Amino acid sequence: MTAAGPLLASLLLSLACSLAAGFAAAAFAPHTVRRSVIVLAVLLLGTGSGVQASVWTLMPVW
């Protein structure tokens, strides 16, 4: 059985990193070109989904 504390901390760290990456992409993108931000968001979502799928057996159901 895996302890919920470290898993929750990892999830919160992942959320913080994702938000920081989104803010950084939005800050560097010109205001007229938001397409790059959308592309980076989709790539981040795809990467995160792939990582979560690879460790699905290690994660609790909740």
C-alpha atoms as a PDB file:
ATOM      1  CA  MET A   1       0.000   0.000   0.000  1.00  0.00           C
ATOM      2  CA  THR A   2       1.334   3.404  -0.968  1.00  0.00           C
ATOM      3  CA  ALA A   3       1.058   6.356   1.409  1.00  0.00           C
ATOM      4  CA  ALA A   4      -1.269   9.086   0.200  1.00  0.00           C
ATOM      5  CA  GLY A   5       0.920  11.956   1.445  1.00  0.00           C
ATOM      6  CA  PRO A   6       3.807  11.597  -1.026  1.00  0.00           C
ATOM      7  CA  LEU A   7       1.407  10.964  -3.901  1.00  0.00           C
ATOM      8  CA  LEU A   8      -0.597  14.080  -3.057  1.00  0.00           C
ATOM      9  CA  ALA A   9       2.600  16.124  -2.746  1.00  0.00           C
ATOM     10  CA  SER A  10       3.719  14.878  -6.153  1.00  0.00           C
ATOM     11  CA  LEU A  11       0.369  15.788  -7.654  1.00  0.00           C
ATOM     12  CA  LEU A  12       0.519  19.307  -6.180  1.00  0.00           C
ATOM     13  CA  LEU A  13       4.093  19.762  -7.417  1.00  0.00           C
ATOM     14  CA  SER A  14       2.994  18.680 -10.887  1.00  0.00           C
ATOM     15  CA  LEU A  15       0.128  21.164 -10.796  1.00  0.00           C
ATOM     16  CA  ALA A  16       2.444  23.999  -9.719  1.00  0.00           C
ATOM     17  CA  CYS A  17       4.944  23.177 -12.481  1.00  0.00           C
ATOM     18  CA  SER A  18       2.191  23.036 -15.088  1.00  0.00           C
ATOM     19  CA  LEU A  19       0.823  26.420 -14.013  1.00  0.00           C
ATOM     20  CA  ALA A  20       4.313  27.947 -14.035  1.00  0.00           C
ATOM     21  CA  ALA A  21       4.947  26.583 -17.532  1.00  0.00           C
ATOM     22  CA  GLY A  22       1.632  27.990 -18.739  1.00  0.00           C
ATOM     23  CA  PHE A  23       2.349  31.430 -17.305  1.00  0.00           C
ATOM     24  CA  ALA A  24       5.844  31.409 -18.801  1.00  0.00           C
ATOM     25  CA  ALA A  25       4.525  30.442 -22.235  1.00  0.00           C
ATOM     26  CA  ALA A  26       1.862  33.159 -22.050  1.00  0.00           C
ATOM     27  CA  ALA A  27       4.416  35.746 -20.939  1.00  0.00           C
ATOM     28  CA  PHE A  28       6.820  35.014 -23.804  1.00  0.00           C
ATOM     29  CA  ALA A  29       4.179  34.739 -26.513  1.00  0.00           C
ATOM     30  CA  PRO A  30       3.256  37.924 -28.344  1.00  0.00           C
ATOM     31  CA  HIS A  31      -0.261  39.125 -27.625  1.00  0.00           C
ATOM     32  CA  THR A  32      -1.279  38.678 -31.254  1.00  0.00           C
ATOM     33  CA  VAL A  33       0.018  35.106 -31.463  1.00  0.00           C
ATOM     34  CA  ARG A  34      -1.640  32.905 -28.858  1.00  0.00           C
ATOM     35  CA  ARG A  35      -1.410  29.866 -31.099  1.00  0.00           C
ATOM     36  CA  SER A  36       1.961  28.910 -29.602  1.00  0.00           C
ATOM     37  CA  VAL A  37       0.467  28.933 -26.113  1.00  0.00           C
ATOM     38  CA  ILE A  38      -2.314  26.590 -27.230  1.00  0.00           C
ATOM     39  CA  VAL A  39       0.194  24.270 -28.926  1.00  0.00           C
ATOM     40  CA  LEU A  40       2.375  24.174 -25.808  1.00  0.00           C
ATOM     41  CA  ALA A  41      -0.675  23.521 -23.616  1.00  0.00           C
ATOM     42  CA  VAL A  42      -1.687  20.577 -25.808  1.00  0.00           C
ATOM     43  CA  LEU A  43       1.872  19.201 -25.717  1.00  0.00           C
ATOM     44  CA  LEU A  44       1.976  19.559 -21.932  1.00  0.00           C
ATOM     45  CA  LEU A  45      -1.376  17.818 -21.612  1.00  0.00           C
ATOM     46  CA  GLY A  46      -0.213  14.994 -23.882  1.00  0.00           C
ATOM     47  CA  THR A  47       3.024  14.555 -21.951  1.00  0.00           C
ATOM     48  CA  GLY A  48       1.243  14.587 -18.606  1.00  0.00           C
ATOM     49  CA  SER A  49      -1.355  12.109 -19.834  1.00  0.00           C
ATOM     50  CA  GLY A  50       1.374   9.796 -21.088  1.00  0.00           C
ATOM     51  CA  VAL A  51       3.217   9.877 -17.783  1.00  0.00           C
ATOM     52  CA  GLN A  52       0.015   9.282 -15.821  1.00  0.00           C
ATOM     53  CA  ALA A  53      -0.894   6.355 -18.095  1.00  0.00           C
ATOM     54  CA  SER A  54       2.549   4.808 -17.579  1.00  0.00           C
ATOM     55  CA  VAL A  55       2.221   4.848 -13.773  1.00  0.00           C
ATOM     56  CA  TRP A  56      -1.492   4.057 -13.639  1.00  0.00           C
ATOM     57  CA  THR A  57      -0.931   0.791 -11.769  1.00  0.00           C
ATOM     58  CA  LEU A  58       0.997   2.628  -9.029  1.00  0.00           C
ATOM     59  CA  MET A  59      -1.661   5.289  -8.403  1.00  0.00           C
ATOM     60  CA  PRO A  60      -4.627   4.857  -6.065  1.00  0.00           C
ATOM     61  CA  VAL A  61      -8.119   4.968  -7.548  1.00  0.00           C
ATOM     62  CA  TRP A  62      -8.967   8.368  -6.068  1.00  0.00           C
END
